[in-house]
Amino acid sequence: MSMLGTILLIVLILILVGALPAWPHSQAWGYTPTGVLGLVISILLMLIFNGNLLINSGATLNPDSTIITALGNITNNGTYSPGGSHMLLTGASKSIIGNWTFYDLIVIGTYSATGTTVTMSGDLNISGSLNFNTTTAILDGDLTNSGSLTSNGIATFTGNRVQTIQL
């Protein structure tokens, strides 16, 4: 963990201790400090964990139907089971490493794929820049590109429904 991460973790612990309604005057505050604390914790966690996403060999990540925002490189050496989740890529000059199966992939930043296969079982929306290089891209949903999309590999549209391509 970086020095900034350590400092933010200490601040987080102090905030948690300070939010406890241990004093008679603070017991009447109700849930207001808890809501504010939840917002502060969310912001601090985003600041602490804004690095790379790494799924190690033998590990499984199953985000179900959540939104995962990646600010750094994303590396899959294990298993990623996307469920109905959305992967939001916002980093600058970052990489998609390994074989990935996304549900919805949203690229706002600048990413370059270096794996063998990237599969989107939902939609692909690009407003930033995505370079598939020689990676095979398989899309089962719609493609919306208002940014930059580059590929020197194979792109396959495999949907069992009408697929929309917006360039």
Foldseek 3Di string as FASTA:
>chain_A
DDPLLVVLVVVLVVLVVVLDQPDPVSVVVPCVSVVVNVVSVVVSVCVNPQEEAEAADPGEDEPAAEEAEHQAEYEYNYYYHDNNYEYEYAHEPHEDEEEEEHAEYEYAYAYEYDYAEYEHCEEYEYCEEYEPEQHEYEYQAEYAYNYYYHYPHHYYHDHPDDYYYHD
